Protein backbone atom coordinates (compact mmCIF):
# COMPACT_ATOMS: atom_id res chain seq x y z
CA MET A 1 -10.74 0.95 3.62
CA LEU A 2 -8.61 2.76 1.08
CA GLY A 3 -9.95 6.10 2.32
CA ARG A 4 -8.70 5.28 5.81
CA GLY A 5 -5.28 4.53 4.34
CA ILE A 6 -5.24 7.84 2.47
CA ALA A 7 -6.08 9.60 5.75
CA ARG A 8 -3.14 7.84 7.50
CA HIS A 9 -5.49 5.90 9.77
CA CYS A 10 -5.61 2.19 10.48
CA PRO A 11 -7.25 0.61 7.41
CA ARG A 12 -9.33 -1.76 9.56
CA CYS A 13 -10.68 0.41 12.41
CA ALA A 14 -9.62 3.98 11.47
CA ALA A 15 -7.73 4.42 14.76
CA ARG A 16 -4.99 6.98 15.10
CA PRO A 17 -2.09 7.47 15.67
CA VAL A 18 -0.42 4.73 13.67
CA PHE A 19 2.83 6.70 13.29
CA VAL A 20 5.34 7.47 16.03
CA SER A 21 7.04 9.96 13.73
CA TRP A 22 6.79 10.87 10.04
CA PHE A 23 9.00 7.91 9.06
CA ARG A 24 8.28 5.40 11.85
CA MET A 25 5.08 3.37 12.05
CA VAL A 26 3.85 1.51 15.13
CA GLU A 27 4.07 -2.28 14.98
CA ARG A 28 0.37 -2.84 15.74
CA CYS A 29 -2.73 -0.66 15.57
CA PRO A 30 -3.56 0.77 19.01
CA GLY A 31 -7.29 0.26 18.33
CA CYS A 32 -7.70 -3.21 16.81
CA GLY A 33 -4.26 -4.79 17.06
CA LEU A 34 -3.72 -5.08 13.29
CA GLN A 35 -0.11 -6.01 12.61
CA PHE A 36 1.14 -3.64 9.95
CA GLU A 37 4.38 -5.31 8.85
CA ARG A 38 3.07 -8.83 8.33
CA GLU A 39 6.24 -10.33 6.84
CA ASN A 40 9.77 -9.39 5.83
CA ASP A 41 9.86 -6.81 3.05
CA PHE A 42 6.12 -6.18 3.51
CA PHE A 43 6.42 -2.50 2.69
CA LEU A 44 7.95 -3.13 -0.73
CA GLY A 45 4.39 -2.56 -2.00
CA ALA A 46 4.35 0.80 -0.21
CA TYR A 47 7.56 1.67 -2.04
CA MET A 48 5.81 0.88 -5.33
CA VAL A 49 2.80 3.04 -4.38
CA ASN A 50 5.17 5.89 -3.47
CA LEU A 51 7.13 5.48 -6.71
CA GLY A 52 3.94 5.40 -8.78
CA VAL A 53 2.57 8.59 -7.23
CA THR A 54 5.88 10.44 -7.63
CA GLU A 55 6.33 9.33 -11.24
CA GLY A 56 2.70 10.23 -11.95
CA LEU A 57 3.22 13.75 -10.60
CA LEU A 58 6.37 14.16 -12.69
CA LEU A 59 4.51 12.93 -15.77
CA VAL A 60 1.68 15.40 -15.24
CA GLY A 61 4.24 18.19 -14.84
CA LEU A 62 5.97 17.12 -18.04
CA PHE A 63 2.71 17.18 -19.99
CA VAL A 64 1.81 20.61 -18.59
CA TYR A 65 5.19 21.91 -19.75
CA ILE A 66 4.83 20.30 -23.19
CA PHE A 67 1.38 21.81 -23.74
CA ALA A 68 2.58 25.20 -22.49
CA ALA A 69 5.66 25.04 -24.75
CA VAL A 70 3.47 24.41 -27.79
CA ASP A 71 1.81 27.80 -27.31
CA ASN A 72 5.02 29.54 -26.23
CA PRO A 73 8.16 27.99 -27.82
CA ASP A 74 10.44 30.43 -25.97
CA LEU A 75 9.37 29.03 -22.56
CA PRO A 76 12.54 28.46 -20.48
CA VAL A 77 13.22 24.89 -19.43
CA ALA A 78 15.48 25.60 -16.41
CA PRO A 79 12.65 26.39 -13.93
CA VAL A 80 10.81 23.24 -14.99
CA VAL A 81 13.91 21.11 -14.43
CA VAL A 82 14.45 22.62 -10.97
CA ILE A 83 10.81 22.02 -10.02
CA ALA A 84 11.03 18.45 -11.31
CA ILE A 85 14.16 17.75 -9.26
CA VAL A 86 12.59 19.19 -6.11
CA LEU A 87 9.44 17.16 -6.74
CA ALA A 88 11.44 13.99 -7.38
CA VAL A 89 13.28 14.39 -4.06
CA ALA A 90 10.56 15.88 -1.84
CA GLY A 91 7.59 13.94 -3.26
CA PRO A 92 8.55 10.53 -1.87
CA LEU A 93 9.48 12.06 1.50
CA VAL A 94 6.15 13.87 1.82
CA PHE A 95 4.09 10.90 0.60
CA PHE A 96 5.96 8.26 2.64
CA PRO A 97 3.49 7.72 5.52
CA PHE A 98 0.51 7.81 3.17
CA SER A 99 2.05 5.12 0.97
CA ARG A 100 2.50 2.84 4.00
CA THR A 101 -1.09 3.11 5.19
CA ILE A 102 -2.43 2.88 1.63
CA TRP A 103 -0.41 -0.28 1.06
CA SER A 104 -1.63 -1.70 4.39
CA ALA A 105 -5.21 -1.06 3.23
CA ILE A 106 -4.59 -2.74 -0.14
CA ASP A 107 -2.96 -5.74 1.53
CA LEU A 108 -5.75 -6.01 4.11
CA ALA A 109 -8.32 -6.01 1.31
CA MET A 110 -6.44 -8.79 -0.51
CA ARG A 111 -5.50 -10.83 2.56
CA PRO A 112 -7.85 -10.15 5.50
CA GLN A 113 -6.30 -10.62 8.92
CA PRO A 114 -8.48 -11.88 11.82
CA LEU A 115 -9.10 -9.52 14.72
CA GLU A 116 -6.92 -9.87 17.81
CA GLY A 117 -8.72 -11.90 20.44
CA ALA A 118 -11.31 -13.22 17.98
CA PRO A 119 -12.59 -16.72 18.78
CA ASP A 120 -10.76 -19.58 17.13
CA ASP A 121 -12.36 -21.77 14.50
CA GLU A 122 -12.62 -24.75 16.85
CA GLY A 123 -16.39 -24.37 17.33
CA ALA A 124 -17.08 -23.60 13.68
CA PRO A 125 -18.45 -26.22 11.29
CA PRO A 126 -15.82 -27.89 9.10
CA SER A 127 -15.15 -25.98 5.93
CA TYR A 128 -14.89 -27.52 2.48
CA GLU A 129 -11.48 -28.87 1.75
CA ALA A 130 -10.45 -29.61 -1.83
CA PRO A 131 -9.50 -33.23 -2.51
CA ARG A 132 -5.80 -33.85 -2.31
CA HIS A 133 -4.02 -35.60 -5.13
CA ARG A 134 -1.31 -38.10 -4.48
CA SER A 135 2.13 -37.37 -5.85
CA ASP A 136 2.51 -40.79 -7.52
CA GLY A 137 -0.25 -40.00 -10.03
CA ASP A 138 -2.71 -42.54 -8.55
CA PRO A 139 -5.97 -40.70 -7.74
CA GLY A 140 -6.71 -43.11 -4.90
CA PRO A 141 -9.76 -45.28 -4.36
CA ALA A 142 -12.91 -44.53 -6.34
CA PRO A 143 -15.71 -42.91 -4.33
């Protein structure tokens, strides 16, 4: 499922296209009907994925510079700063659609969504339901 998200496909059925443009995602998957934005602020998780990837890339670049500077103390810092600024601005823009489909895959793994047009649970056997406790502290009649 995560591999489908990394490939910018629908995490449930791997259908494409799920993007109208680089920054605009369709509301539902054209293949299986999966609703991508399931609630308000749903893609806040995608923002966190995008932030984590960008910060991770900057951290790797910083360590590469530090290890290179140990061997060569006269290594100029200006090109590294310019590259870091470009990466900090361009990284989130380039990774934006990937972060959305990756987050959709993570959310779908944590909270599965039934398929569109799937039969209702009316014909299914009753599922176990945990006993409910009364709010007044009385557990109710003994079994």
